[in-house]
Amino acid sequence: MDNHWRSIVKAISWRVFATLVTFMVAYLLTREAIISIGIGFANATIKIFAFYSHERLWNKIGFGKKMVEENYIT
């Protein structure tokens, strides 16, 4: 299971990349840098929290995970 900090770093790194893609698409459609920056910023702000929540939710779901029995020798 990923800890909270790993999930936060993953969310931020993905958002940086995805925001650049969103900015480029918005700029191609509008040819307005300020509008494109606004769209990219709004997109990043909303989706970083959505991604983090989604990631933490999936950590609680057992689907596709294999249970590993831990053997400790004392």
PDB file of N, CA and C in Angstrom:
ATOM      1  N   MET A   1       0.847  -1.180   0.000  1.00  0.00           N
ATOM      2  CA  MET A   1       0.000   0.000   0.000  1.00  0.00           C
ATOM      3  C   MET A   1       0.891   1.241   0.000  1.00  0.00           C
ATOM      4  N   ASP A   2       0.575   2.184  -0.837  1.00  0.00           N
ATOM      5  CA  ASP A   2       1.304   3.449  -0.868  1.00  0.00           C
ATOM      6  C   ASP A   2       0.960   4.266   0.373  1.00  0.00           C
ATOM      7  N   ASN A   3       1.964   4.957   0.906  1.00  0.00           N
ATOM      8  CA  ASN A   3       1.650   5.846   2.021  1.00  0.00           C
ATOM      9  C   ASN A   3       1.109   7.167   1.475  1.00  0.00           C
ATOM     10  N   HIS A   4       0.665   8.028   2.372  1.00  0.00           N
ATOM     11  CA  HIS A   4       0.034   9.288   1.951  1.00  0.00           C
ATOM     12  C   HIS A   4       1.002  10.188   1.179  1.00  0.00           C
ATOM     13  N   TRP A   5       2.262  10.267   1.610  1.00  0.00           N
ATOM     14  CA  TRP A   5       3.223  11.145   0.924  1.00  0.00           C
ATOM     15  C   TRP A   5       3.491  10.675  -0.496  1.00  0.00           C
ATOM     16  N   ARG A   6       3.591   9.351  -0.696  1.00  0.00           N
ATOM     17  CA  ARG A   6       3.791   8.830  -2.051  1.00  0.00           C
ATOM     18  C   ARG A   6       2.605   9.191  -2.931  1.00  0.00           C
ATOM     19  N   SER A   7       1.410   9.051  -2.399  1.00  0.00           N
ATOM     20  CA  SER A   7       0.213   9.408  -3.166  1.00  0.00           C
ATOM     21  C   SER A   7       0.204  10.899  -3.509  1.00  0.00           C
ATOM     22  N   ILE A   8       0.639  11.735  -2.575  1.00  0.00           N
ATOM     23  CA  ILE A   8       0.679  13.177  -2.819  1.00  0.00           C
ATOM     24  C   ILE A   8       1.695  13.507  -3.921  1.00  0.00           C
ATOM     25  N   VAL A   9       2.882  12.920  -3.849  1.00  0.00           N
ATOM     26  CA  VAL A   9       3.912  13.184  -4.859  1.00  0.00           C
ATOM     27  C   VAL A   9       3.465  12.680  -6.227  1.00  0.00           C
ATOM     28  N   LYS A  10       2.846  11.502  -6.284  1.00  0.00           N
ATOM     29  CA  LYS A  10       2.334  10.981  -7.549  1.00  0.00           C
ATOM     30  C   LYS A  10       1.275  11.913  -8.127  1.00  0.00           C
ATOM     31  N   ALA A  11       0.386  12.390  -7.280  1.00  0.00           N
ATOM     32  CA  ALA A  11      -0.672  13.288  -7.740  1.00  0.00           C
ATOM     33  C   ALA A  11      -0.084  14.584  -8.297  1.00  0.00           C
ATOM     34  N   ILE A  12       0.892  15.140  -7.603  1.00  0.00           N
ATOM     35  CA  ILE A  12       1.493  16.405  -8.048  1.00  0.00           C
ATOM     36  C   ILE A  12       2.257  16.219  -9.360  1.00  0.00           C
ATOM     37  N   SER A  13       3.060  15.159  -9.455  1.00  0.00           N
ATOM     38  CA  SER A  13       3.838  14.963 -10.685  1.00  0.00           C
ATOM     39  C   SER A  13       2.930  14.726 -11.880  1.00  0.00           C
ATOM     40  N   TRP A  14       1.872  13.960 -11.685  1.00  0.00           N
ATOM     41  CA  TRP A  14       0.928  13.742 -12.781  1.00  0.00           C
ATOM     42  C   TRP A  14       0.241  15.046 -13.157  1.00  0.00           C
ATOM     43  N   ARG A  15      -0.164  15.821 -12.181  1.00  0.00           N
ATOM     44  CA  ARG A  15      -0.867  17.068 -12.458  1.00  0.00           C
ATOM     45  C   ARG A  15       0.009  18.037 -13.222  1.00  0.00           C
ATOM     46  N   VAL A  16       1.286  18.123 -12.907  1.00  0.00           N
ATOM     47  CA  VAL A  16       2.181  19.024 -13.646  1.00  0.00           C
ATOM     48  C   VAL A  16       2.176  18.634 -15.122  1.00  0.00           C
ATOM     49  N   PHE A  17       2.371  17.368 -15.400  1.00  0.00           N
ATOM     50  CA  PHE A  17       2.383  16.895 -16.780  1.00  0.00           C
ATOM     51  C   PHE A  17       1.028  17.119 -17.458  1.00  0.00           C
ATOM     52  N   ALA A  18      -0.035  16.709 -16.794  1.00  0.00           N
ATOM     53  CA  ALA A  18      -1.376  16.832 -17.383  1.00  0.00           C
ATOM     54  C   ALA A  18      -1.773  18.291 -17.577  1.00  0.00           C
ATOM     55  N   THR A  19      -1.344  19.173 -16.675  1.00  0.00           N
ATOM     56  CA  THR A  19      -1.658  20.600 -16.813  1.00  0.00           C
ATOM     57  C   THR A  19      -0.968  21.188 -18.041  1.00  0.00           C
ATOM     58  N   LEU A  20       0.254  20.774 -18.297  1.00  0.00           N
ATOM     59  CA  LEU A  20       0.940  21.234 -19.512  1.00  0.00           C
ATOM     60  C   LEU A  20       0.202  20.780 -20.769  1.00  0.00           C
ATOM     61  N   VAL A  21      -0.286  19.558 -20.751  1.00  0.00           N
ATOM     62  CA  VAL A  21      -1.070  19.059 -21.891  1.00  0.00           C
ATOM     63  C   VAL A  21      -2.351  19.866 -22.035  1.00  0.00           C
ATOM     64  N   THR A  22      -3.051  20.111 -20.920  1.00  0.00           N
ATOM     65  CA  THR A  22      -4.292  20.900 -20.959  1.00  0.00           C
ATOM     66  C   THR A  22      -4.029  22.301 -21.475  1.00  0.00           C
ATOM     67  N   PHE A  23      -2.950  22.927 -20.986  1.00  0.00           N
ATOM     68  CA  PHE A  23      -2.586  24.262 -21.455  1.00  0.00           C
ATOM     69  C   PHE A  23      -2.363  24.266 -22.964  1.00  0.00           C
ATOM     70  N   MET A  24      -1.624  23.280 -23.464  1.00  0.00           N
ATOM     71  CA  MET A  24      -1.326  23.234 -24.902  1.00  0.00           C
ATOM     72  C   MET A  24      -2.603  23.058 -25.728  1.00  0.00           C
ATOM     73  N   VAL A  25      -3.484  22.192 -25.287  1.00  0.00           N
ATOM     74  CA  VAL A  25      -4.743  21.985 -26.017  1.00  0.00           C
ATOM     75  C   VAL A  25      -5.591  23.255 -25.978  1.00  0.00           C
ATOM     76  N   ALA A  26      -5.693  23.868 -24.786  1.00  0.00           N
ATOM     77  CA  ALA A  26      -6.479  25.102 -24.668  1.00  0.00           C
ATOM     78  C   ALA A  26      -5.891  26.207 -25.542  1.00  0.00           C
ATOM     79  N   TYR A  27      -4.569  26.292 -25.587  1.00  0.00           N
ATOM     80  CA  TYR A  27      -3.936  27.316 -26.408  1.00  0.00           C
ATOM     81  C   TYR A  27      -4.186  27.067 -27.898  1.00  0.00           C
ATOM     82  N   LEU A  28      -4.116  25.812 -28.317  1.00  0.00           N
ATOM     83  CA  LEU A  28      -4.393  25.492 -29.717  1.00  0.00           C
ATOM     84  C   LEU A  28      -5.819  25.863 -30.105  1.00  0.00           C
ATOM     85  N   LEU A  29      -6.747  25.723 -29.157  1.00  0.00           N
ATOM     86  CA  LEU A  29      -8.152  26.026 -29.446  1.00  0.00           C
ATOM     87  C   LEU A  29      -8.473  27.512 -29.337  1.00  0.00           C
ATOM     88  N   THR A  30      -7.831  28.218 -28.391  1.00  0.00           N
ATOM     89  CA  THR A  30      -8.196  29.624 -28.157  1.00  0.00           C
ATOM     90  C   THR A  30      -7.187  30.624 -28.707  1.00  0.00           C
ATOM     91  N   ARG A  31      -5.934  30.204 -28.831  1.00  0.00           N
ATOM     92  CA  ARG A  31      -4.839  31.111 -29.217  1.00  0.00           C
ATOM     93  C   ARG A  31      -4.704  32.277 -28.234  1.00  0.00           C
ATOM     94  N   GLU A  32      -5.147  32.055 -26.995  1.00  0.00           N
ATOM     95  CA  GLU A  32      -5.073  33.063 -25.932  1.00  0.00           C
ATOM     96  C   GLU A  32      -4.299  32.478 -24.759  1.00  0.00           C
ATOM     97  N   ALA A  33      -3.099  32.995 -24.518  1.00  0.00           N
ATOM     98  CA  ALA A  33      -2.252  32.444 -23.460  1.00  0.00           C
ATOM     99  C   ALA A  33      -2.882  32.594 -22.074  1.00  0.00           C
ATOM    100  N   ILE A  34      -3.437  33.756 -21.772  1.00  0.00           N
ATOM    101  CA  ILE A  34      -4.013  34.001 -20.440  1.00  0.00           C
ATOM    102  C   ILE A  34      -5.192  33.071 -20.179  1.00  0.00           C
ATOM    103  N   ILE A  35      -6.066  32.933 -21.146  1.00  0.00           N
ATOM    104  CA  ILE A  35      -7.204  32.021 -20.995  1.00  0.00           C
ATOM    105  C   ILE A  35      -6.706  30.587 -20.831  1.00  0.00           C
ATOM    106  N   SER A  36      -5.715  30.209 -21.601  1.00  0.00           N
ATOM    107  CA  SER A  36      -5.166  28.855 -21.536  1.00  0.00           C
ATOM    108  C   SER A  36      -4.522  28.578 -20.180  1.00  0.00           C
ATOM    109  N   ILE A  37      -3.821  29.556 -19.633  1.00  0.00           N
ATOM    110  CA  ILE A  37      -3.233  29.412 -18.305  1.00  0.00           C
ATOM    111  C   ILE A  37      -4.330  29.248 -17.259  1.00  0.00           C
ATOM    112  N   GLY A  38      -5.379  30.040 -17.364  1.00  0.00           N
ATOM    113  CA  GLY A  38      -6.518  29.936 -16.437  1.00  0.00           C
ATOM    114  C   GLY A  38      -7.174  28.572 -16.499  1.00  0.00           C
ATOM    115  N   ILE A  39      -7.374  28.069 -17.706  1.00  0.00           N
ATOM    116  CA  ILE A  39      -7.963  26.740 -17.876  1.00  0.00           C
ATOM    117  C   ILE A  39      -7.037  25.684 -17.266  1.00  0.00           C
ATOM    118  N   GLY A  40      -5.748  25.776 -17.537  1.00  0.00           N
ATOM    119  CA  GLY A  40      -4.789  24.826 -16.982  1.00  0.00           C
ATOM    120  C   GLY A  40      -4.754  24.857 -15.466  1.00  0.00           C
ATOM    121  N   PHE A  41      -4.767  26.059 -14.887  1.00  0.00           N
ATOM    122  CA  PHE A  41      -4.736  26.204 -13.432  1.00  0.00           C
ATOM    123  C   PHE A  41      -6.003  25.655 -12.790  1.00  0.00           C
ATOM    124  N   ALA A  42      -7.172  25.994 -13.343  1.00  0.00           N
ATOM    125  CA  ALA A  42      -8.435  25.490 -12.800  1.00  0.00           C
ATOM    126  C   ALA A  42      -8.482  23.964 -12.884  1.00  0.00           C
ATOM    127  N   ASN A  43      -8.068  23.442 -14.017  1.00  0.00           N
ATOM    128  CA  ASN A  43      -8.046  21.994 -14.218  1.00  0.00           C
ATOM    129  C   ASN A  43      -7.150  21.317 -13.172  1.00  0.00           C
ATOM    130  N   ALA A  44      -5.955  21.856 -12.960  1.00  0.00           N
ATOM    131  CA  ALA A  44      -5.012  21.267 -12.009  1.00  0.00           C
ATOM    132  C   ALA A  44      -5.536  21.330 -10.581  1.00  0.00           C
ATOM    133  N   THR A  45      -6.088  22.471 -10.213  1.00  0.00           N
ATOM    134  CA  THR A  45      -6.576  22.663  -8.852  1.00  0.00           C
ATOM    135  C   THR A  45      -7.674  21.664  -8.503  1.00  0.00           C
ATOM    136  N   ILE A  46      -8.603  21.495  -9.387  1.00  0.00           N
ATOM    137  CA  ILE A  46      -9.716  20.572  -9.147  1.00  0.00           C
ATOM    138  C   ILE A  46      -9.250  19.117  -9.195  1.00  0.00           C
ATOM    139  N   LYS A  47      -8.487  18.781 -10.201  1.00  0.00           N
ATOM    140  CA  LYS A  47      -8.162  17.372 -10.426  1.00  0.00           C
ATOM    141  C   LYS A  47      -7.095  16.817  -9.498  1.00  0.00           C
ATOM    142  N   ILE A  48      -6.240  17.649  -8.914  1.00  0.00           N
ATOM    143  CA  ILE A  48      -5.256  17.097  -7.991  1.00  0.00           C
ATOM    144  C   ILE A  48      -5.953  16.509  -6.766  1.00  0.00           C
ATOM    145  N   PHE A  49      -6.993  17.170  -6.288  1.00  0.00           N
ATOM    146  CA  PHE A  49      -7.744  16.640  -5.150  1.00  0.00           C
ATOM    147  C   PHE A  49      -8.568  15.421  -5.554  1.00  0.00           C
ATOM    148  N   ALA A  50      -9.096  15.428  -6.753  1.00  0.00           N
ATOM    149  CA  ALA A  50      -9.855  14.281  -7.246  1.00  0.00           C
ATOM    150  C   ALA A  50      -8.947  13.060  -7.397  1.00  0.00           C
ATOM    151  N   PHE A  51      -7.741  13.262  -7.942  1.00  0.00           N
ATOM    152  CA  PHE A  51      -6.809  12.143  -8.117  1.00  0.00           C
ATOM    153  C   PHE A  51      -6.382  11.571  -6.778  1.00  0.00           C
ATOM    154  N   TYR A  52      -6.033  12.418  -5.835  1.00  0.00           N
ATOM    155  CA  TYR A  52      -5.612  11.955  -4.511  1.00  0.00           C
ATOM    156  C   TYR A  52      -6.716  11.136  -3.859  1.00  0.00           C
ATOM    157  N   SER A  53      -7.938  11.630  -3.919  1.00  0.00           N
ATOM    158  CA  SER A  53      -9.077  10.901  -3.339  1.00  0.00           C
ATOM    159  C   SER A  53      -9.271   9.558  -4.033  1.00  0.00           C
ATOM    160  N   HIS A  54      -9.173   9.550  -5.332  1.00  0.00           N
ATOM    161  CA  HIS A  54      -9.321   8.327  -6.113  1.00  0.00           C
ATOM    162  C   HIS A  54      -8.234   7.316  -5.743  1.00  0.00           C
ATOM    163  N   GLU A  55      -7.006   7.780  -5.626  1.00  0.00           N
ATOM    164  CA  GLU A  55      -5.872   6.919  -5.270  1.00  0.00           C
ATOM    165  C   GLU A  55      -6.057   6.304  -3.892  1.00  0.00           C
ATOM    166  N   ARG A  56      -6.461   7.108  -2.924  1.00  0.00           N
ATOM    167  CA  ARG A  56      -6.654   6.600  -1.561  1.00  0.00           C
ATOM    168  C   ARG A  56      -7.826   5.628  -1.509  1.00  0.00           C
ATOM    169  N   LEU A  57      -8.872   5.888  -2.254  1.00  0.00           N
ATOM    170  CA  LEU A  57     -10.007   4.963  -2.305  1.00  0.00           C
ATOM    171  C   LEU A  57      -9.578   3.614  -2.860  1.00  0.00           C
ATOM    172  N   TRP A  58      -8.816   3.602  -3.939  1.00  0.00           N
ATOM    173  CA  TRP A  58      -8.352   2.351  -4.534  1.00  0.00           C
ATOM    174  C   TRP A  58      -7.426   1.584  -3.603  1.00  0.00           C
ATOM    175  N   ASN A  59      -6.716   2.254  -2.715  1.00  0.00           N
ATOM    176  CA  ASN A  59      -5.898   1.546  -1.739  1.00  0.00           C
ATOM    177  C   ASN A  59      -6.734   0.751  -0.753  1.00  0.00           C
ATOM    178  N   LYS A  60      -7.988   1.115  -0.599  1.00  0.00           N
ATOM    179  CA  LYS A  60      -8.882   0.409   0.327  1.00  0.00           C
ATOM    180  C   LYS A  60      -9.637  -0.731  -0.344  1.00  0.00           C
ATOM    181  N   ILE A  61      -9.583  -0.792  -1.654  1.00  0.00           N
ATOM    182  CA  ILE A  61     -10.307  -1.826  -2.398  1.00  0.00           C
ATOM    183  C   ILE A  61      -9.366  -2.997  -2.642  1.00  0.00           C
ATOM    184  N   GLY A  62      -9.837  -4.206  -2.350  1.00  0.00           N
ATOM    185  CA  GLY A  62      -8.997  -5.386  -2.485  1.00  0.00           C
ATOM    186  C   GLY A  62      -8.929  -5.951  -3.892  1.00  0.00           C
ATOM    187  N   PHE A  63      -9.696  -5.410  -4.815  1.00  0.00           N
ATOM    188  CA  PHE A  63      -9.763  -5.931  -6.179  1.00  0.00           C
ATOM    189  C   PHE A  63      -8.374  -5.995  -6.818  1.00  0.00           C
ATOM    190  N   GLY A  64      -7.988  -7.198  -7.268  1.00  0.00           N
ATOM    191  CA  GLY A  64      -6.730  -7.362  -7.981  1.00  0.00           C
ATOM    192  C   GLY A  64      -5.489  -7.437  -7.112  1.00  0.00           C
ATOM    193  N   LYS A  65      -5.653  -7.377  -5.808  1.00  0.00           N
ATOM    194  CA  LYS A  65      -4.505  -7.468  -4.906  1.00  0.00           C
ATOM    195  C   LYS A  65      -4.350  -8.913  -4.439  1.00  0.00           C
ATOM    196  N   LYS A  66      -3.118  -9.307  -4.251  1.00  0.00           N
ATOM    197  CA  LYS A  66      -2.837 -10.614  -3.686  1.00  0.00           C
ATOM    198  C   LYS A  66      -2.498 -10.431  -2.216  1.00  0.00           C
ATOM    199  N   MET A  67      -3.093 -11.274  -1.396  1.00  0.00           N
ATOM    200  CA  MET A  67      -2.806 -11.224   0.024  1.00  0.00           C
ATOM    201  C   MET A  67      -1.514 -11.997   0.261  1.00  0.00           C
ATOM    202  N   VAL A  68      -0.585 -11.382   0.963  1.00  0.00           N
ATOM    203  CA  VAL A  68       0.690 -12.009   1.281  1.00  0.00           C
ATOM    204  C   VAL A  68       0.740 -12.218   2.790  1.00  0.00           C
ATOM    205  N   GLU A  69       0.979 -13.440   3.166  1.00  0.00           N
ATOM    206  CA  GLU A  69       1.075 -13.748   4.585  1.00  0.00           C
ATOM    207  C   GLU A  69       2.483 -13.448   5.055  1.00  0.00           C
ATOM    208  N   GLU A  70       2.588 -12.684   6.112  1.00  0.00           N
ATOM    209  CA  GLU A  70       3.890 -12.308   6.647  1.00  0.00           C
ATOM    210  C   GLU A  70       4.312 -13.327   7.688  1.00  0.00           C
ATOM    211  N   ASN A  71       5.518 -13.846   7.531  1.00  0.00           N
ATOM    212  CA  ASN A  71       6.072 -14.788   8.482  1.00  0.00           C
ATOM    213  C   ASN A  71       7.219 -14.124   9.220  1.00  0.00           C
ATOM    214  N   TYR A  72       7.061 -13.992  10.501  1.00  0.00           N
ATOM    215  CA  TYR A  72       8.107 -13.397  11.322  1.00  0.00           C
ATOM    216  C   TYR A  72       8.684 -14.480  12.229  1.00  0.00           C
ATOM    217  N   ILE A  73       9.973 -14.548  12.225  1.00  0.00           N
ATOM    218  CA  ILE A  73      10.650 -15.490  13.115  1.00  0.00           C
ATOM    219  C   ILE A  73      11.129 -14.695  14.323  1.00  0.00           C
ATOM    220  N   THR A  74      10.674 -15.089  15.482  1.00  0.00           N
ATOM    221  CA  THR A  74      11.076 -14.361  16.695  1.00  0.00           C
ATOM    222  C   THR A  74      11.991 -15.183  17.557  1.00  0.00           C
TER     223      THR A  74
END
